[in-house]
N, C-alpha and C. Protein backbone atom coordinates (compact mmCIF):
# COMPACT_ATOMS: atom_id res chain seq x y z
N MET A 1 -38.91 68.33 -13.47
CA MET A 1 -37.87 67.42 -13.06
C MET A 1 -38.42 66.32 -12.18
N ALA A 2 -39.30 66.73 -11.30
CA ALA A 2 -39.92 65.76 -10.36
C ALA A 2 -40.75 64.78 -11.15
N MET A 3 -41.45 65.29 -12.20
CA MET A 3 -42.29 64.42 -13.01
C MET A 3 -41.51 63.38 -13.75
N SER A 4 -40.33 63.74 -14.27
CA SER A 4 -39.56 62.79 -14.99
C SER A 4 -38.96 61.72 -14.08
N SER A 5 -38.58 62.10 -12.87
CA SER A 5 -38.07 61.08 -11.91
C SER A 5 -39.19 60.14 -11.48
N THR A 6 -40.42 60.70 -11.30
CA THR A 6 -41.55 59.86 -10.93
C THR A 6 -41.86 58.86 -12.05
N SER A 7 -41.85 59.32 -13.27
CA SER A 7 -42.17 58.43 -14.40
C SER A 7 -41.11 57.40 -14.59
N SER A 8 -39.82 57.73 -14.33
CA SER A 8 -38.76 56.76 -14.43
C SER A 8 -38.84 55.74 -13.26
N ASP A 9 -39.29 56.20 -12.09
CA ASP A 9 -39.46 55.31 -10.94
C ASP A 9 -40.54 54.28 -11.23
N ASP A 10 -41.56 54.64 -12.00
CA ASP A 10 -42.69 53.75 -12.30
C ASP A 10 -42.42 52.85 -13.50
N ALA A 11 -41.26 52.96 -14.13
CA ALA A 11 -40.97 52.17 -15.32
C ALA A 11 -40.80 50.71 -14.94
N CYS A 12 -41.09 49.83 -15.91
CA CYS A 12 -40.95 48.41 -15.67
C CYS A 12 -39.51 48.02 -15.51
N LYS A 13 -39.29 47.17 -14.53
CA LYS A 13 -37.94 46.61 -14.31
C LYS A 13 -37.90 45.22 -14.96
N ILE A 14 -37.17 45.18 -16.06
CA ILE A 14 -37.02 43.90 -16.77
C ILE A 14 -35.52 43.57 -16.90
N SER A 15 -35.15 42.37 -16.53
CA SER A 15 -33.75 41.97 -16.56
C SER A 15 -33.64 40.59 -17.20
N MET A 16 -32.60 40.43 -18.03
CA MET A 16 -32.30 39.16 -18.61
C MET A 16 -31.36 38.33 -17.75
N LEU A 17 -31.14 38.83 -16.52
CA LEU A 17 -30.33 38.11 -15.54
C LEU A 17 -31.21 37.78 -14.35
N TRP A 18 -30.73 36.80 -13.55
CA TRP A 18 -31.49 36.44 -12.33
C TRP A 18 -31.71 37.66 -11.46
N ASN A 19 -32.94 37.87 -11.00
CA ASN A 19 -33.24 39.01 -10.17
C ASN A 19 -34.32 38.71 -9.15
N TRP A 20 -34.41 39.59 -8.19
CA TRP A 20 -35.43 39.46 -7.13
C TRP A 20 -36.30 40.74 -7.07
N TYR A 21 -36.55 41.28 -8.24
CA TYR A 21 -37.39 42.52 -8.31
C TYR A 21 -38.81 42.17 -7.86
N THR A 22 -39.41 43.14 -7.15
CA THR A 22 -40.83 42.98 -6.74
C THR A 22 -41.69 44.13 -7.28
N ILE A 23 -41.37 45.33 -6.85
CA ILE A 23 -42.16 46.49 -7.25
C ILE A 23 -41.74 46.93 -8.65
N ASN A 24 -42.73 47.32 -9.46
CA ASN A 24 -42.50 47.78 -10.85
C ASN A 24 -41.94 46.67 -11.75
N THR A 25 -42.32 45.46 -11.46
CA THR A 25 -41.99 44.38 -12.37
C THR A 25 -43.14 44.22 -13.38
N CYS A 26 -42.80 43.81 -14.57
CA CYS A 26 -43.80 43.60 -15.63
C CYS A 26 -43.62 42.20 -16.21
N PHE A 27 -44.71 41.54 -16.49
CA PHE A 27 -44.68 40.18 -17.03
C PHE A 27 -45.60 40.08 -18.23
N ILE A 28 -45.08 39.62 -19.35
CA ILE A 28 -45.77 39.28 -20.56
C ILE A 28 -46.37 40.49 -21.26
N ALA A 29 -47.19 41.33 -20.56
CA ALA A 29 -47.84 42.47 -21.19
C ALA A 29 -47.71 43.72 -20.32
N LYS A 30 -47.89 44.89 -20.95
CA LYS A 30 -47.84 46.15 -20.14
C LYS A 30 -48.88 46.21 -19.06
N SER A 31 -50.00 45.57 -19.31
CA SER A 31 -51.10 45.57 -18.32
C SER A 31 -50.74 44.79 -17.07
N TRP A 32 -49.77 43.85 -17.18
CA TRP A 32 -49.31 43.12 -15.99
C TRP A 32 -48.11 43.84 -15.38
N HIS A 33 -48.35 45.05 -14.89
CA HIS A 33 -47.37 45.92 -14.29
C HIS A 33 -47.62 45.90 -12.77
N VAL A 34 -46.73 45.31 -12.02
CA VAL A 34 -46.89 45.15 -10.58
C VAL A 34 -46.37 46.42 -9.90
N LYS A 35 -47.28 47.11 -9.16
CA LYS A 35 -46.93 48.39 -8.53
C LYS A 35 -46.95 48.33 -7.02
N SER A 36 -47.27 47.19 -6.43
CA SER A 36 -47.29 47.09 -4.94
C SER A 36 -46.83 45.69 -4.55
N LYS A 37 -46.53 45.56 -3.25
CA LYS A 37 -46.11 44.27 -2.75
C LYS A 37 -47.28 43.30 -2.76
N GLY A 38 -48.48 43.80 -2.49
CA GLY A 38 -49.69 42.96 -2.54
C GLY A 38 -49.91 42.47 -3.96
N GLY A 39 -49.72 43.34 -4.92
CA GLY A 39 -49.87 42.90 -6.33
C GLY A 39 -48.87 41.86 -6.72
N PHE A 40 -47.63 41.99 -6.21
CA PHE A 40 -46.60 41.03 -6.56
C PHE A 40 -46.92 39.68 -5.89
N ALA A 41 -47.41 39.71 -4.62
CA ALA A 41 -47.82 38.48 -3.96
C ALA A 41 -48.94 37.80 -4.74
N GLY A 42 -49.88 38.59 -5.24
CA GLY A 42 -50.95 38.06 -6.08
C GLY A 42 -50.43 37.43 -7.34
N SER A 43 -49.40 38.05 -7.93
CA SER A 43 -48.78 37.49 -9.16
C SER A 43 -48.13 36.16 -8.88
N CYS A 44 -47.47 36.04 -7.73
CA CYS A 44 -46.82 34.78 -7.37
C CYS A 44 -47.84 33.70 -7.15
N ILE A 45 -48.92 34.08 -6.46
CA ILE A 45 -50.04 33.06 -6.22
C ILE A 45 -50.66 32.67 -7.53
N GLY A 46 -50.86 33.67 -8.41
CA GLY A 46 -51.44 33.40 -9.76
C GLY A 46 -50.56 32.42 -10.55
N CYS A 47 -49.23 32.67 -10.51
CA CYS A 47 -48.31 31.76 -11.23
C CYS A 47 -48.35 30.34 -10.67
N PHE A 48 -48.44 30.26 -9.33
CA PHE A 48 -48.56 28.95 -8.68
C PHE A 48 -49.76 28.19 -9.22
N PHE A 49 -50.92 28.91 -9.23
CA PHE A 49 -52.13 28.21 -9.67
C PHE A 49 -52.17 28.00 -11.17
N LEU A 50 -51.45 28.81 -11.94
CA LEU A 50 -51.37 28.61 -13.37
C LEU A 50 -50.68 27.29 -13.68
N VAL A 51 -49.52 27.06 -13.02
CA VAL A 51 -48.82 25.77 -13.25
C VAL A 51 -49.57 24.60 -12.65
N LEU A 52 -50.23 24.81 -11.52
CA LEU A 52 -51.08 23.79 -10.96
C LEU A 52 -52.21 23.38 -11.94
N SER A 53 -52.81 24.37 -12.57
CA SER A 53 -53.88 24.09 -13.52
C SER A 53 -53.32 23.39 -14.77
N ALA A 54 -52.06 23.67 -15.09
CA ALA A 54 -51.43 22.97 -16.23
C ALA A 54 -51.27 21.46 -15.92
N GLN A 55 -50.90 21.18 -14.67
CA GLN A 55 -50.82 19.75 -14.28
C GLN A 55 -52.18 19.10 -14.26
N TRP A 56 -53.20 19.83 -13.83
CA TRP A 56 -54.60 19.31 -13.86
C TRP A 56 -55.03 19.01 -15.30
N LEU A 57 -54.72 19.98 -16.22
CA LEU A 57 -55.13 19.78 -17.61
C LEU A 57 -54.36 18.59 -18.24
N HIS A 58 -53.10 18.41 -17.87
CA HIS A 58 -52.35 17.29 -18.34
C HIS A 58 -53.00 15.97 -17.95
N ARG A 59 -53.47 15.89 -16.70
CA ARG A 59 -54.15 14.69 -16.22
C ARG A 59 -55.51 14.51 -16.93
N VAL A 60 -56.24 15.61 -17.12
CA VAL A 60 -57.52 15.54 -17.81
C VAL A 60 -57.32 14.96 -19.20
N CYS A 61 -56.26 15.42 -19.94
CA CYS A 61 -56.00 14.89 -21.28
C CYS A 61 -55.76 13.39 -21.27
N ARG A 62 -55.01 12.92 -20.30
CA ARG A 62 -54.73 11.49 -20.17
C ARG A 62 -55.99 10.72 -19.84
N GLU A 63 -56.78 11.23 -18.92
CA GLU A 63 -58.00 10.54 -18.50
C GLU A 63 -59.00 10.48 -19.65
N TYR A 64 -59.07 11.50 -20.48
CA TYR A 64 -59.96 11.53 -21.61
C TYR A 64 -59.55 10.45 -22.62
N ASP A 65 -58.23 10.36 -22.89
CA ASP A 65 -57.74 9.31 -23.78
C ASP A 65 -58.04 7.92 -23.23
N ASN A 66 -57.80 7.75 -21.88
CA ASN A 66 -58.08 6.45 -21.26
C ASN A 66 -59.57 6.10 -21.37
N ALA A 67 -60.44 7.13 -21.22
CA ALA A 67 -61.86 6.86 -21.26
C ALA A 67 -62.29 6.37 -22.69
N ILE A 68 -61.67 7.00 -23.71
CA ILE A 68 -61.93 6.60 -25.09
C ILE A 68 -61.51 5.14 -25.29
N VAL A 69 -60.33 4.79 -24.80
CA VAL A 69 -59.85 3.42 -24.98
C VAL A 69 -60.75 2.47 -24.25
N LEU A 70 -61.12 2.74 -23.00
CA LEU A 70 -61.91 1.84 -22.20
C LEU A 70 -63.32 1.68 -22.83
N LYS A 71 -63.88 2.77 -23.37
CA LYS A 71 -65.19 2.66 -24.02
C LYS A 71 -65.14 1.74 -25.22
N GLN A 72 -64.11 1.92 -26.06
CA GLN A 72 -64.00 1.06 -27.25
C GLN A 72 -63.64 -0.37 -26.91
N GLN A 73 -62.88 -0.57 -25.86
CA GLN A 73 -62.60 -1.94 -25.40
C GLN A 73 -63.85 -2.63 -24.88
N LYS A 74 -64.67 -1.90 -24.19
CA LYS A 74 -65.95 -2.49 -23.66
C LYS A 74 -66.89 -2.84 -24.82
N SER A 75 -66.97 -1.97 -25.81
CA SER A 75 -67.83 -2.28 -26.97
C SER A 75 -67.24 -3.44 -27.78
N GLN A 76 -65.94 -3.58 -27.87
CA GLN A 76 -65.31 -4.68 -28.55
C GLN A 76 -65.54 -5.97 -27.76
N THR A 77 -65.49 -5.93 -26.44
CA THR A 77 -65.78 -7.10 -25.61
C THR A 77 -67.22 -7.55 -25.81
N TYR A 78 -68.13 -6.59 -25.91
CA TYR A 78 -69.55 -6.95 -26.13
C TYR A 78 -69.71 -7.63 -27.48
N ILE A 79 -69.04 -7.11 -28.53
CA ILE A 79 -69.12 -7.72 -29.83
C ILE A 79 -68.57 -9.15 -29.81
N ASP A 80 -67.47 -9.34 -29.10
CA ASP A 80 -66.84 -10.67 -28.97
C ASP A 80 -67.81 -11.61 -28.27
N ARG A 81 -68.52 -11.15 -27.24
CA ARG A 81 -69.39 -12.02 -26.47
C ARG A 81 -70.59 -12.47 -27.26
N VAL A 82 -71.08 -11.60 -28.12
CA VAL A 82 -72.32 -11.97 -28.90
C VAL A 82 -71.93 -12.74 -30.18
N GLY A 83 -70.63 -12.90 -30.41
CA GLY A 83 -70.19 -13.69 -31.52
C GLY A 83 -70.19 -13.03 -32.86
N LEU A 84 -70.13 -11.65 -32.87
CA LEU A 84 -70.11 -10.96 -34.13
C LEU A 84 -68.71 -10.77 -34.68
N ASN A 85 -67.74 -11.06 -33.88
CA ASN A 85 -66.33 -10.89 -34.31
C ASN A 85 -65.81 -12.22 -34.80
N ASN A 86 -65.50 -12.36 -36.08
CA ASN A 86 -64.99 -13.63 -36.64
C ASN A 86 -63.49 -13.69 -36.75
N LYS A 87 -62.81 -12.69 -36.19
CA LYS A 87 -61.34 -12.71 -36.33
C LYS A 87 -60.74 -13.73 -35.36
N SER A 88 -59.66 -14.31 -35.80
CA SER A 88 -58.93 -15.23 -34.97
C SER A 88 -58.05 -14.46 -33.98
N ASP A 89 -57.51 -15.13 -33.01
CA ASP A 89 -56.65 -14.49 -32.02
C ASP A 89 -55.42 -13.87 -32.65
N GLU A 90 -54.94 -14.47 -33.74
CA GLU A 90 -53.77 -13.96 -34.40
C GLU A 90 -54.02 -12.59 -35.07
N GLU A 91 -55.30 -12.33 -35.40
CA GLU A 91 -55.62 -11.12 -36.12
C GLU A 91 -56.13 -10.03 -35.19
N SER A 92 -56.17 -10.30 -33.90
CA SER A 92 -56.69 -9.32 -32.95
C SER A 92 -55.75 -8.17 -32.83
N PRO A 93 -56.24 -6.92 -32.49
CA PRO A 93 -55.38 -5.77 -32.39
C PRO A 93 -54.32 -5.94 -31.33
N ALA A 94 -54.61 -6.65 -30.24
CA ALA A 94 -53.64 -6.80 -29.18
C ALA A 94 -52.41 -7.56 -29.65
N SER A 95 -52.61 -8.59 -30.47
CA SER A 95 -51.44 -9.36 -30.93
C SER A 95 -50.79 -8.71 -32.11
N SER A 96 -51.56 -7.99 -32.94
CA SER A 96 -50.93 -7.38 -34.15
C SER A 96 -50.14 -6.14 -33.84
N THR A 97 -50.43 -5.49 -32.69
CA THR A 97 -49.65 -4.31 -32.32
C THR A 97 -48.29 -4.62 -31.85
N VAL A 98 -48.06 -5.92 -31.51
CA VAL A 98 -46.74 -6.32 -31.03
C VAL A 98 -45.70 -6.20 -32.18
N ALA A 99 -46.10 -6.56 -33.36
CA ALA A 99 -45.22 -6.50 -34.53
C ALA A 99 -45.95 -5.79 -35.64
N PRO A 100 -45.91 -4.46 -35.73
CA PRO A 100 -46.63 -3.74 -36.77
C PRO A 100 -46.19 -4.15 -38.15
N ASN A 101 -47.10 -4.11 -39.09
CA ASN A 101 -46.84 -4.52 -40.46
C ASN A 101 -46.21 -3.36 -41.17
N LEU A 102 -44.89 -3.39 -41.37
CA LEU A 102 -44.17 -2.35 -42.08
C LEU A 102 -44.11 -2.70 -43.55
N LYS A 103 -44.48 -1.74 -44.42
CA LYS A 103 -44.45 -1.98 -45.83
C LYS A 103 -43.03 -1.97 -46.36
N SER A 104 -42.19 -1.17 -45.73
CA SER A 104 -40.78 -1.16 -46.10
C SER A 104 -39.93 -1.72 -44.97
N GLY A 105 -38.79 -2.22 -45.29
CA GLY A 105 -37.96 -2.89 -44.26
C GLY A 105 -37.41 -1.92 -43.24
N ALA A 106 -37.07 -0.70 -43.64
CA ALA A 106 -36.45 0.23 -42.72
C ALA A 106 -37.49 1.06 -41.98
N PRO A 107 -37.47 1.15 -40.69
CA PRO A 107 -38.41 1.97 -39.94
C PRO A 107 -38.35 3.46 -40.36
N GLU A 108 -37.17 3.93 -40.71
CA GLU A 108 -37.04 5.30 -41.14
C GLU A 108 -37.87 5.61 -42.37
N LEU A 109 -37.80 4.69 -43.34
CA LEU A 109 -38.57 4.86 -44.60
C LEU A 109 -40.06 4.77 -44.34
N HIS A 110 -40.48 3.90 -43.44
CA HIS A 110 -41.87 3.78 -43.04
C HIS A 110 -42.36 5.10 -42.42
N ALA A 111 -41.55 5.67 -41.50
CA ALA A 111 -41.98 6.89 -40.81
C ALA A 111 -42.01 8.07 -41.80
N LEU A 112 -40.99 8.22 -42.63
CA LEU A 112 -40.89 9.35 -43.56
C LEU A 112 -41.79 9.17 -44.78
N GLY A 113 -42.20 7.94 -45.05
CA GLY A 113 -43.12 7.69 -46.17
C GLY A 113 -44.54 8.17 -45.91
N HIS A 114 -44.91 8.50 -44.70
CA HIS A 114 -46.23 8.99 -44.32
C HIS A 114 -47.37 8.08 -44.68
N SER A 115 -47.11 6.77 -44.76
CA SER A 115 -48.23 5.86 -44.98
C SER A 115 -49.15 5.79 -43.79
N TRP A 116 -48.60 6.12 -42.61
CA TRP A 116 -49.41 6.18 -41.43
C TRP A 116 -50.43 7.31 -41.41
N LEU A 117 -50.20 8.33 -42.27
CA LEU A 117 -51.08 9.44 -42.37
C LEU A 117 -52.17 9.24 -43.40
N PHE A 118 -51.78 8.69 -44.58
CA PHE A 118 -52.73 8.52 -45.69
C PHE A 118 -53.47 7.20 -45.62
N ALA A 119 -52.85 6.20 -45.02
CA ALA A 119 -53.54 4.89 -44.88
C ALA A 119 -53.24 4.35 -43.48
N PRO A 120 -53.91 4.90 -42.44
CA PRO A 120 -53.63 4.50 -41.10
C PRO A 120 -53.91 3.03 -40.86
N SER A 121 -53.18 2.44 -39.93
CA SER A 121 -53.34 1.05 -39.62
C SER A 121 -54.71 0.76 -39.05
N GLN A 122 -55.25 -0.42 -39.34
CA GLN A 122 -56.55 -0.81 -38.81
C GLN A 122 -56.41 -1.37 -37.39
N ASP A 123 -55.18 -1.57 -36.97
CA ASP A 123 -54.90 -2.11 -35.63
C ASP A 123 -54.99 -0.94 -34.62
N GLY A 124 -55.28 -1.31 -33.41
CA GLY A 124 -55.30 -0.30 -32.35
C GLY A 124 -56.63 0.37 -32.23
N ILE A 125 -56.71 1.36 -31.37
CA ILE A 125 -57.95 2.08 -31.08
C ILE A 125 -57.77 3.53 -31.50
N TYR A 126 -58.75 3.98 -32.36
CA TYR A 126 -58.74 5.35 -32.87
C TYR A 126 -59.98 6.09 -32.32
N PRO A 127 -59.83 7.39 -31.99
CA PRO A 127 -61.01 8.12 -31.58
C PRO A 127 -61.87 8.47 -32.79
N ASN A 128 -63.16 8.73 -32.58
CA ASN A 128 -63.98 9.23 -33.68
C ASN A 128 -63.62 10.70 -33.92
N ILE A 129 -64.22 11.33 -34.91
CA ILE A 129 -63.81 12.65 -35.31
C ILE A 129 -64.09 13.70 -34.23
N LEU A 130 -65.24 13.56 -33.53
CA LEU A 130 -65.55 14.50 -32.43
C LEU A 130 -64.59 14.35 -31.26
N GLN A 131 -64.30 13.11 -30.92
CA GLN A 131 -63.32 12.86 -29.85
C GLN A 131 -61.93 13.39 -30.22
N HIS A 132 -61.57 13.21 -31.50
CA HIS A 132 -60.26 13.73 -31.97
C HIS A 132 -60.21 15.26 -31.93
N MET A 133 -61.33 15.91 -32.22
CA MET A 133 -61.38 17.36 -32.17
C MET A 133 -61.27 17.82 -30.70
N VAL A 134 -61.90 17.13 -29.80
CA VAL A 134 -61.76 17.46 -28.37
C VAL A 134 -60.31 17.27 -27.90
N ARG A 135 -59.73 16.15 -28.29
CA ARG A 135 -58.32 15.86 -27.94
C ARG A 135 -57.39 16.97 -28.49
N THR A 136 -57.66 17.38 -29.74
CA THR A 136 -56.87 18.44 -30.36
C THR A 136 -57.02 19.77 -29.60
N GLY A 137 -58.24 20.09 -29.18
CA GLY A 137 -58.49 21.31 -28.43
C GLY A 137 -57.80 21.25 -27.07
N LEU A 138 -57.85 20.13 -26.38
CA LEU A 138 -57.16 19.97 -25.10
C LEU A 138 -55.68 20.07 -25.26
N PHE A 139 -55.13 19.47 -26.30
CA PHE A 139 -53.72 19.54 -26.55
C PHE A 139 -53.26 20.99 -26.84
N THR A 140 -54.09 21.72 -27.61
CA THR A 140 -53.74 23.09 -27.95
C THR A 140 -53.73 23.96 -26.67
N LEU A 141 -54.72 23.77 -25.79
CA LEU A 141 -54.71 24.47 -24.51
C LEU A 141 -53.50 24.17 -23.69
N GLU A 142 -53.17 22.86 -23.62
CA GLU A 142 -52.00 22.45 -22.82
C GLU A 142 -50.71 23.00 -23.39
N TRP A 143 -50.61 22.98 -24.68
CA TRP A 143 -49.41 23.48 -25.41
C TRP A 143 -49.27 24.99 -25.20
N GLY A 144 -50.37 25.75 -25.36
CA GLY A 144 -50.33 27.18 -25.18
C GLY A 144 -50.00 27.57 -23.73
N LEU A 145 -50.57 26.86 -22.79
CA LEU A 145 -50.27 27.08 -21.35
C LEU A 145 -48.82 26.86 -21.08
N SER A 146 -48.23 25.82 -21.63
CA SER A 146 -46.81 25.54 -21.34
C SER A 146 -45.91 26.66 -21.88
N TYR A 147 -46.28 27.28 -23.00
CA TYR A 147 -45.48 28.39 -23.52
C TYR A 147 -45.64 29.66 -22.71
N ILE A 148 -46.84 29.89 -22.14
CA ILE A 148 -47.05 31.03 -21.26
C ILE A 148 -46.15 30.88 -20.03
N ILE A 149 -46.11 29.63 -19.47
CA ILE A 149 -45.26 29.37 -18.31
C ILE A 149 -43.80 29.57 -18.68
N MET A 150 -43.38 29.15 -19.86
CA MET A 150 -42.00 29.32 -20.31
C MET A 150 -41.68 30.78 -20.41
N LEU A 151 -42.61 31.64 -20.89
CA LEU A 151 -42.39 33.04 -20.99
C LEU A 151 -42.19 33.65 -19.62
N LEU A 152 -42.94 33.20 -18.62
CA LEU A 152 -42.78 33.65 -17.25
C LEU A 152 -41.36 33.34 -16.73
N PHE A 153 -40.89 32.16 -17.04
CA PHE A 153 -39.52 31.82 -16.64
C PHE A 153 -38.46 32.74 -17.25
N MET A 154 -38.75 33.23 -18.44
CA MET A 154 -37.74 34.01 -19.17
C MET A 154 -37.57 35.43 -18.57
N TYR A 155 -38.37 35.78 -17.59
CA TYR A 155 -38.15 37.08 -16.87
C TYR A 155 -37.08 36.86 -15.78
N TYR A 156 -36.69 35.67 -15.50
CA TYR A 156 -35.64 35.33 -14.54
C TYR A 156 -35.88 35.90 -13.14
N ASN A 157 -37.15 36.08 -12.82
CA ASN A 157 -37.49 36.58 -11.49
C ASN A 157 -37.53 35.36 -10.50
N GLY A 158 -36.70 35.42 -9.49
CA GLY A 158 -36.61 34.28 -8.59
C GLY A 158 -37.90 33.92 -7.91
N TYR A 159 -38.68 34.91 -7.49
CA TYR A 159 -39.97 34.64 -6.82
C TYR A 159 -40.97 33.97 -7.77
N ILE A 160 -41.02 34.46 -8.96
CA ILE A 160 -41.95 33.88 -9.96
C ILE A 160 -41.54 32.46 -10.28
N ILE A 161 -40.26 32.23 -10.50
CA ILE A 161 -39.74 30.90 -10.85
C ILE A 161 -40.02 29.93 -9.72
N ILE A 162 -39.78 30.32 -8.46
CA ILE A 162 -40.06 29.47 -7.32
C ILE A 162 -41.55 29.18 -7.24
N SER A 163 -42.39 30.18 -7.48
CA SER A 163 -43.84 29.96 -7.46
C SER A 163 -44.27 28.93 -8.48
N CYS A 164 -43.66 29.04 -9.69
CA CYS A 164 -43.97 28.07 -10.78
C CYS A 164 -43.54 26.67 -10.40
N ILE A 165 -42.31 26.55 -9.83
CA ILE A 165 -41.79 25.22 -9.45
C ILE A 165 -42.65 24.61 -8.35
N LEU A 166 -43.08 25.41 -7.37
CA LEU A 166 -43.95 24.90 -6.31
C LEU A 166 -45.30 24.50 -6.91
N GLY A 167 -45.82 25.23 -7.91
CA GLY A 167 -47.04 24.85 -8.56
C GLY A 167 -46.94 23.53 -9.28
N ALA A 168 -45.78 23.30 -9.92
CA ALA A 168 -45.52 22.04 -10.59
C ALA A 168 -45.45 20.89 -9.59
N LEU A 169 -44.76 21.14 -8.50
CA LEU A 169 -44.58 20.15 -7.46
C LEU A 169 -45.92 19.68 -6.85
N VAL A 170 -46.70 20.69 -6.42
CA VAL A 170 -48.00 20.43 -5.80
C VAL A 170 -48.97 19.79 -6.85
N GLY A 171 -48.94 20.34 -8.07
CA GLY A 171 -49.82 19.78 -9.10
C GLY A 171 -49.53 18.35 -9.44
N LYS A 172 -48.21 18.02 -9.57
CA LYS A 172 -47.86 16.65 -9.86
C LYS A 172 -48.21 15.73 -8.70
N PHE A 173 -48.07 16.21 -7.47
CA PHE A 173 -48.43 15.42 -6.30
C PHE A 173 -49.92 15.12 -6.26
N ILE A 174 -50.71 16.12 -6.57
CA ILE A 174 -52.19 15.97 -6.49
C ILE A 174 -52.72 15.14 -7.70
N PHE A 175 -52.32 15.60 -8.91
CA PHE A 175 -52.92 15.06 -10.14
C PHE A 175 -52.09 13.93 -10.79
N GLY A 176 -50.89 13.66 -10.28
CA GLY A 176 -50.03 12.67 -10.88
C GLY A 176 -50.08 11.29 -10.22
N TYR A 177 -50.96 11.17 -9.22
CA TYR A 177 -51.05 9.86 -8.55
C TYR A 177 -51.98 8.96 -9.35
N GLU A 178 -51.40 7.99 -10.04
CA GLU A 178 -52.15 7.08 -10.91
C GLU A 178 -51.39 5.79 -11.09
N PRO A 179 -52.04 4.77 -11.64
CA PRO A 179 -51.30 3.47 -11.81
C PRO A 179 -50.15 3.63 -12.76
N LEU A 180 -49.07 2.95 -12.50
CA LEU A 180 -47.88 2.99 -13.34
C LEU A 180 -48.00 1.95 -14.42
N SER A 181 -47.42 2.21 -15.60
CA SER A 181 -47.43 1.24 -16.66
C SER A 181 -46.10 1.23 -17.35
N LEU A 182 -45.71 0.08 -17.92
CA LEU A 182 -44.44 -0.02 -18.63
C LEU A 182 -44.55 0.59 -20.01
N CYS A 183 -43.50 1.23 -20.48
CA CYS A 183 -43.44 1.75 -21.83
C CYS A 183 -43.15 0.60 -22.77
N ASP A 184 -44.18 -0.15 -23.14
CA ASP A 184 -44.05 -1.38 -23.94
C ASP A 184 -44.88 -1.25 -25.17
N VAL A 185 -44.37 -1.80 -26.30
CA VAL A 185 -45.12 -1.76 -27.58
C VAL A 185 -46.46 -2.46 -27.43
N ARG A 186 -46.52 -3.50 -26.65
CA ARG A 186 -47.74 -4.29 -26.53
C ARG A 186 -48.81 -3.46 -25.83
N GLU A 187 -48.43 -2.45 -25.02
CA GLU A 187 -49.41 -1.66 -24.30
C GLU A 187 -49.66 -0.34 -24.99
N ALA A 188 -49.06 -0.14 -26.19
CA ALA A 188 -49.18 1.16 -26.88
C ALA A 188 -50.62 1.52 -27.17
N GLY A 189 -51.47 0.55 -27.48
CA GLY A 189 -52.87 0.86 -27.78
C GLY A 189 -53.65 1.29 -26.58
N ALA A 190 -53.28 0.85 -25.37
CA ALA A 190 -54.04 1.15 -24.18
C ALA A 190 -53.33 2.23 -23.35
N SER A 191 -52.15 2.59 -23.72
CA SER A 191 -51.38 3.59 -22.89
C SER A 191 -51.10 4.81 -23.74
N ASP A 192 -51.39 5.96 -23.16
CA ASP A 192 -51.21 7.21 -23.85
C ASP A 192 -49.72 7.61 -23.89
N ASP A 193 -49.28 8.26 -25.01
CA ASP A 193 -47.87 8.60 -25.13
C ASP A 193 -47.45 9.60 -24.08
N ARG A 194 -48.37 10.54 -23.68
CA ARG A 194 -47.96 11.51 -22.69
C ARG A 194 -47.74 10.85 -21.33
N LYS A 195 -48.58 9.86 -21.01
CA LYS A 195 -48.47 9.15 -19.73
C LYS A 195 -47.23 8.27 -19.73
N CYS A 196 -46.97 7.62 -20.88
CA CYS A 196 -45.90 6.64 -20.93
C CYS A 196 -44.52 7.29 -21.02
N CYS A 197 -44.41 8.26 -21.85
CA CYS A 197 -43.09 8.80 -22.12
C CYS A 197 -42.97 10.27 -21.77
N GLY A 198 -44.05 10.90 -21.28
CA GLY A 198 -43.99 12.34 -21.03
C GLY A 198 -43.73 12.69 -19.60
């Protein structure tokens, strides 16, 4: 009888309602079974740094994109200076991105026609295949991390949620300090979508 009460006392406390459980809480996997106050404090600190690292990764993704753009802009400037670029100002990517050349009149048909996938525009700046693979890997890490954080929120534990919110606050404060830019079509080539609209 004592054994059954002990085993039930050690069972995971999981609630789909807001709770303040500390001891015997479980998160994501059976191996994350908190059995002491120190372990729970460590879990809160870990969640704080998990969200902080997500904000860091978000900034790294933007900085990598910006570095690709700056590198290609510098190489284009060099080509312009040595006179190898014969395009007129009207044909330059900066001016052509203001009014993209739509093959169909309706933007909906252009988007759903997938011409942007099979015949991408020559305007703007594109990463090379290695850079695109790195960008894809970084995005996948960021995407996976965001879902892990979402799963932590779904345990409705007040302490864990507060730890995650504080991690987002501190992370945004540290890694979110950067020049502001307008969400403008003319700047679409030089401004990343996550920075502009995310």
